[in-house]
Amino acid sequence: MLPLLHIAILALVQGITEFLPISSSGHLVLVPWALGWKDQGLMIDVGVHVGTLGAVMVYFRGDIYDMVNGLWRMAKGRGYDNGARLAVYLAVATIPVVIAGFVVNKIFPDGIRSILVIGWATLGFGLLLWFTDKFGLTLKRIEHLKFFDVIAIGISQMLALIPGTSRSGITMTAGRLLGMERTDAARFSMLMSIPTIIAAGTLKGYELYKIGDASTASSALIAAALAFISALAAIFLMMAWLRKATFTPFVIYRALLGTLLLGIAYGYIG
C-alpha cells in the first residue's frame, strides 16, 4: 500500500486538475517523477479518476436526473425531450475515445509516460485553447448542438489519450471552436467525462480483479475518496470563474509548465 502522504497528494492533484483544462493525466505522471517517488501505476490513476466521477455526478445531478428521466420517457414512447437528447449525445461523443482507448491500452498497457510528450502536448494544446477562446464565436448553448458538433467534440477527445493534452481542455477547445459559450463548453466537457471515466474504470477495474492485488485496491479507494472532495471544490470554482472570465490563466499556466518540461527534456534545465 502506498504511504498515505503519497495518496493524499495524488488525490489532491487529480481532484484539482481533472476538470481544469491543464491535464490531470500529465500531472499524475509528473508528481512521482518530480518528487522522486515510485510511479503509482495506472490503478491508482483510475482510482482518483473514479473519485472525480463522483464529484461531477454530484455537481451535475440535475442534468443526470433529466437524462435518466428523458431516457425513461423515451423508452415508454412519450417523446424525445432535451434530457434524452443530451444522453444520446454524450453516448455518441464517447464512442471514439472508447475505441481509441482500447487500442492504446493494448499498445501501451502502462500508458504513455514521457516528459517530452507531456511537455509538447501541454504547450501546444494550451496555445490552441487560447486561440479558439480568443477568436471563437459565442453563439451556442448545449441545447443548440447538432449531431455533427457532438461527433467533432467526441473525436477531439481521442487526443486526450496523449498525456498533457487534457481531456477537459481539448473538449472545451473543440466546443469553443464550434462557437459554444465558455460555461456550456465546460459543462458539456464535464458531462462527457462521466461515460469516459466509467469506461476506463471498468477496464482497469477488471484488470485489478484479475491481478487480485488487495493492497492496491485499498490505496485506490482512499485516493478516490480524497479526489472526490478536491474535485467538487474545483468544479465549483472553475464554473464560477468562467461565468465572468476567460481561459487565459489556464493557458498561461500550461505555457509555463510546458516550457519548463521541454527545457528539462532537452537538457537545458536540471
Protein backbone atom coordinates (compact mmCIF):
# COMPACT_ATOMS: atom_id res chain seq x y z
CA MET A 1 0.00 0.00 0.00
CA LEU A 2 1.30 3.45 -0.87
CA PRO A 3 2.13 5.83 2.00
CA LEU A 4 -0.87 7.94 2.98
CA LEU A 5 1.02 11.16 2.10
CA HIS A 6 1.58 9.91 -1.45
CA ILE A 7 -2.09 9.01 -1.83
CA ALA A 8 -3.24 12.36 -0.43
CA ILE A 9 -1.03 14.40 -2.78
CA LEU A 10 -2.01 12.34 -5.83
CA ALA A 11 -5.69 12.66 -4.95
CA LEU A 12 -5.41 16.41 -4.42
CA VAL A 13 -3.61 16.87 -7.73
CA GLN A 14 -6.17 14.74 -9.56
CA GLY A 15 -9.14 16.43 -7.97
CA ILE A 16 -7.89 19.91 -8.82
CA THR A 17 -6.69 19.17 -12.36
CA GLU A 18 -9.28 16.72 -13.72
CA PHE A 19 -11.79 19.35 -14.81
CA LEU A 20 -9.41 22.27 -15.26
CA PRO A 21 -8.01 22.39 -18.82
CA ILE A 22 -4.44 21.63 -17.71
CA SER A 23 -4.24 17.79 -17.98
CA SER A 24 -4.75 15.62 -14.93
CA SER A 25 -3.05 12.60 -16.52
CA GLY A 26 0.04 14.65 -17.24
CA HIS A 27 0.21 15.86 -13.65
CA LEU A 28 -0.24 12.31 -12.32
CA VAL A 29 2.84 11.30 -14.30
CA LEU A 30 4.78 14.37 -13.18
CA VAL A 31 4.13 14.14 -9.42
CA PRO A 32 6.09 10.92 -8.76
CA TRP A 33 8.75 11.99 -11.26
CA ALA A 34 9.26 15.40 -9.64
CA LEU A 35 9.21 14.09 -6.06
CA GLY A 36 11.33 11.03 -6.77
CA TRP A 37 8.58 8.57 -5.85
CA LYS A 38 7.95 5.22 -7.36
CA ASP A 39 5.32 5.56 -10.08
CA GLN A 40 1.90 4.90 -8.57
CA GLY A 41 0.71 2.88 -11.57
CA LEU A 42 -2.45 3.13 -13.62
CA MET A 43 -4.66 1.53 -10.95
CA ILE A 44 -4.17 4.48 -8.60
CA ASP A 45 -4.65 6.82 -11.54
CA VAL A 46 -8.02 5.20 -12.24
CA GLY A 47 -8.92 5.27 -8.53
CA VAL A 48 -8.57 9.04 -8.34
CA HIS A 49 -10.46 9.38 -11.62
CA VAL A 50 -13.36 7.45 -10.09
CA GLY A 51 -13.36 9.90 -7.19
CA THR A 52 -13.70 12.79 -9.62
CA LEU A 53 -16.52 10.90 -11.33
CA GLY A 54 -18.49 11.07 -8.10
CA ALA A 55 -17.82 14.80 -7.85
CA VAL A 56 -19.09 15.61 -11.34
CA MET A 57 -22.18 13.48 -10.81
CA VAL A 58 -22.99 15.36 -7.62
CA TYR A 59 -22.46 18.80 -9.20
CA PHE A 60 -24.49 17.99 -12.32
CA ARG A 61 -27.10 15.87 -10.58
CA GLY A 62 -29.85 17.96 -12.20
CA ASP A 63 -28.60 17.15 -15.69
CA ILE A 64 -28.23 13.49 -14.77
CA TYR A 65 -31.79 13.38 -13.47
CA ASP A 66 -33.05 14.98 -16.68
CA MET A 67 -31.15 12.45 -18.80
CA VAL A 68 -32.39 9.42 -16.87
CA ASN A 69 -35.94 10.75 -16.85
CA GLY A 70 -35.73 11.58 -20.56
CA LEU A 71 -34.49 8.13 -21.49
CA TRP A 72 -37.24 6.56 -19.38
CA ARG A 73 -39.89 8.66 -21.09
CA MET A 74 -38.45 7.84 -24.50
CA ALA A 75 -38.43 4.10 -23.70
CA LYS A 76 -42.11 4.35 -22.80
CA GLY A 77 -42.87 6.12 -26.08
CA ARG A 78 -43.53 9.55 -24.54
CA GLY A 79 -41.30 11.53 -26.87
CA TYR A 80 -37.69 12.65 -27.24
CA ASP A 81 -37.04 15.57 -24.89
CA ASN A 82 -33.85 17.56 -24.14
CA GLY A 83 -32.78 15.15 -21.40
CA ALA A 84 -32.92 12.12 -23.68
CA ARG A 85 -31.20 14.09 -26.44
CA LEU A 86 -28.33 15.06 -24.12
CA ALA A 87 -27.91 11.43 -23.01
CA VAL A 88 -27.75 10.25 -26.63
CA TYR A 89 -25.27 12.99 -27.50
CA LEU A 90 -22.98 12.00 -24.61
CA ALA A 91 -23.11 8.36 -25.68
CA VAL A 92 -22.24 9.24 -29.28
CA ALA A 93 -19.41 11.56 -28.19
CA THR A 94 -17.89 8.79 -26.06
CA ILE A 95 -17.67 6.11 -28.77
CA PRO A 96 -14.48 7.43 -30.48
CA VAL A 97 -12.42 7.64 -27.27
CA VAL A 98 -13.61 4.20 -26.07
CA ILE A 99 -12.40 2.60 -29.30
CA ALA A 100 -9.15 4.57 -29.32
CA GLY A 101 -8.60 3.91 -25.61
CA PHE A 102 -8.97 0.16 -26.10
CA VAL A 103 -6.36 0.20 -28.88
CA VAL A 104 -3.92 2.43 -26.97
CA ASN A 105 -4.29 0.26 -23.85
CA LYS A 106 -3.23 -2.77 -25.89
CA ILE A 107 -0.19 -0.98 -27.33
CA PHE A 108 0.79 0.94 -24.17
CA PRO A 109 -0.62 -1.05 -21.20
CA ASP A 110 1.24 1.20 -18.74
CA GLY A 111 0.27 4.38 -20.55
CA ILE A 112 2.47 6.96 -22.27
CA ARG A 113 4.70 8.45 -19.58
CA SER A 114 7.23 10.63 -21.38
CA ILE A 115 8.22 14.08 -20.10
CA LEU A 116 8.93 15.15 -23.68
CA VAL A 117 5.46 14.13 -24.87
CA ILE A 118 3.78 15.79 -21.88
CA GLY A 119 5.77 18.99 -22.43
CA TRP A 120 4.84 19.38 -26.10
CA ALA A 121 1.20 18.43 -25.52
CA THR A 122 0.89 20.81 -22.56
CA LEU A 123 2.31 23.72 -24.53
CA GLY A 124 0.78 23.03 -27.95
CA PHE A 125 -2.77 22.26 -26.89
CA GLY A 126 -2.66 25.10 -24.38
CA LEU A 127 -1.92 27.57 -27.19
CA LEU A 128 -4.72 26.02 -29.25
CA LEU A 129 -7.13 26.61 -26.35
CA TRP A 130 -6.05 30.27 -26.20
CA PHE A 131 -6.58 30.74 -29.94
CA THR A 132 -10.05 29.21 -30.02
CA ASP A 133 -11.10 31.02 -26.85
CA LYS A 134 -9.91 34.41 -28.11
CA PHE A 135 -11.17 34.19 -31.68
CA GLY A 136 -14.06 31.75 -31.35
CA LEU A 137 -17.63 32.99 -31.50
CA THR A 138 -20.01 32.69 -28.56
CA LEU A 139 -23.26 31.62 -30.13
CA LYS A 140 -24.28 28.19 -28.90
CA ARG A 141 -25.52 26.58 -25.76
CA ILE A 142 -25.70 22.81 -25.28
CA GLU A 143 -29.30 22.87 -26.49
CA HIS A 144 -28.10 24.24 -29.85
CA LEU A 145 -25.61 21.45 -30.59
CA LYS A 146 -26.14 19.38 -33.73
CA PHE A 147 -25.13 15.79 -34.36
CA PHE A 148 -22.05 16.90 -36.31
CA ASP A 149 -20.93 19.11 -33.41
CA VAL A 150 -21.15 16.21 -30.98
CA ILE A 151 -19.16 13.88 -33.24
CA ALA A 152 -16.47 16.55 -33.69
CA ILE A 153 -16.13 17.03 -29.92
CA GLY A 154 -16.08 13.26 -29.45
CA ILE A 155 -13.29 12.84 -31.99
CA SER A 156 -11.29 15.61 -30.33
CA GLN A 157 -11.48 13.70 -27.04
CA MET A 158 -9.34 10.96 -28.58
CA LEU A 159 -6.37 13.34 -28.39
CA ALA A 160 -6.68 13.27 -24.59
CA LEU A 161 -5.08 9.82 -24.65
CA ILE A 162 -1.83 11.75 -25.11
CA PRO A 163 -0.77 12.80 -21.58
CA GLY A 164 -0.50 16.54 -21.31
CA THR A 165 -3.33 17.19 -23.77
CA SER A 166 -6.09 17.39 -21.10
CA ARG A 167 -9.41 15.68 -21.79
CA SER A 168 -11.33 18.65 -20.47
CA GLY A 169 -9.01 21.08 -22.23
CA ILE A 170 -9.32 19.54 -25.70
CA THR A 171 -13.09 19.10 -25.48
CA MET A 172 -13.53 22.68 -24.23
CA THR A 173 -11.29 23.78 -27.11
CA ALA A 174 -13.49 21.92 -29.58
CA GLY A 175 -16.60 23.41 -28.01
CA ARG A 176 -15.24 26.95 -28.28
CA LEU A 177 -14.15 26.28 -31.87
CA LEU A 178 -17.77 25.32 -32.62
CA GLY A 179 -19.00 28.57 -31.07
CA MET A 180 -20.14 27.37 -27.65
CA GLU A 181 -20.30 29.70 -24.67
CA ARG A 182 -17.50 29.08 -22.16
CA THR A 183 -19.70 27.75 -19.37
CA ASP A 184 -21.60 25.47 -21.75
CA ALA A 185 -18.38 24.17 -23.31
CA ALA A 186 -17.15 23.38 -19.79
CA ARG A 187 -20.47 21.84 -18.77
CA PHE A 188 -20.64 19.55 -21.81
CA SER A 189 -16.98 18.61 -21.35
CA MET A 190 -17.53 17.60 -17.72
CA LEU A 191 -20.69 15.66 -18.55
CA MET A 192 -18.67 13.83 -21.23
CA SER A 193 -16.27 12.73 -18.51
CA ILE A 194 -18.96 10.55 -16.91
CA PRO A 195 -19.14 7.77 -19.55
CA THR A 196 -15.42 8.14 -20.32
CA ILE A 197 -14.34 7.60 -16.71
CA ILE A 198 -16.84 4.77 -16.30
CA ALA A 199 -15.37 3.03 -19.36
CA ALA A 200 -11.76 3.49 -18.17
CA GLY A 201 -12.61 2.46 -14.61
CA THR A 202 -14.40 -0.66 -15.78
CA LEU A 203 -11.46 -1.74 -17.95
CA LYS A 204 -8.82 -1.19 -15.28
CA GLY A 205 -11.10 -2.49 -12.54
CA TYR A 206 -11.38 -5.79 -14.39
CA GLU A 207 -7.59 -5.94 -14.71
CA LEU A 208 -7.28 -5.27 -10.97
CA TYR A 209 -9.76 -8.06 -10.27
CA LYS A 210 -7.69 -10.49 -12.32
CA ILE A 211 -4.48 -9.45 -10.55
CA GLY A 212 -6.13 -9.71 -7.13
CA ASP A 213 -3.95 -7.02 -5.55
CA ALA A 214 -5.93 -6.07 -2.43
CA SER A 215 -3.35 -3.52 -1.22
CA THR A 216 -3.51 -1.62 -4.50
CA ALA A 217 -7.31 -1.71 -4.34
CA SER A 218 -7.39 -0.22 -0.84
CA SER A 219 -4.98 2.54 -1.86
CA ALA A 220 -7.17 3.32 -4.87
CA LEU A 221 -10.28 3.56 -2.70
CA ILE A 222 -8.64 6.03 -0.30
CA ALA A 223 -7.40 8.07 -3.26
CA ALA A 224 -10.89 8.09 -4.78
CA ALA A 225 -12.45 9.49 -1.59
CA LEU A 226 -9.89 12.29 -1.29
CA ALA A 227 -10.11 13.14 -5.00
CA PHE A 228 -13.90 13.45 -4.73
CA ILE A 229 -13.62 16.27 -2.18
CA SER A 230 -10.99 18.30 -4.04
CA ALA A 231 -12.67 17.79 -7.42
CA LEU A 232 -16.04 19.04 -6.20
CA ALA A 233 -14.41 22.23 -4.91
CA ALA A 234 -12.50 22.68 -8.19
CA ILE A 235 -15.69 22.36 -10.27
CA PHE A 236 -17.50 24.99 -8.22
CA LEU A 237 -14.58 27.42 -8.53
CA MET A 238 -13.99 26.91 -12.25
CA MET A 239 -17.66 27.30 -13.23
CA ALA A 240 -17.84 30.49 -11.17
CA TRP A 241 -14.71 31.80 -12.90
CA LEU A 242 -15.90 31.04 -16.45
CA ARG A 243 -19.16 32.91 -15.90
CA LYS A 244 -17.19 36.16 -15.88
CA ALA A 245 -13.72 35.47 -17.32
CA THR A 246 -11.73 33.57 -19.97
CA PHE A 247 -9.45 30.52 -20.17
CA THR A 248 -6.33 32.72 -20.33
CA PRO A 249 -4.97 31.93 -16.80
CA PHE A 250 -5.05 28.22 -17.62
CA VAL A 251 -3.25 28.87 -20.91
CA ILE A 252 -0.52 30.86 -19.16
CA TYR A 253 -0.02 28.05 -16.66
CA ARG A 254 0.21 25.49 -19.48
CA ALA A 255 2.69 27.62 -21.41
CA LEU A 256 4.97 27.98 -18.38
CA LEU A 257 4.73 24.31 -17.41
CA GLY A 258 5.18 23.08 -20.98
CA THR A 259 8.24 25.27 -21.50
CA LEU A 260 9.75 24.04 -18.21
CA LEU A 261 9.19 20.40 -19.12
CA LEU A 262 10.69 20.83 -22.58
CA GLY A 263 13.69 22.55 -21.04
CA ILE A 264 14.17 19.55 -18.75
CA ALA A 265 13.55 17.01 -21.53
CA TYR A 266 16.11 18.62 -23.85
CA GLY A 267 18.67 19.05 -21.07
CA TYR A 268 18.61 22.85 -20.79
CA ILE A 269 17.28 22.69 -17.20
CA GLY A 270 18.17 20.39 -14.32
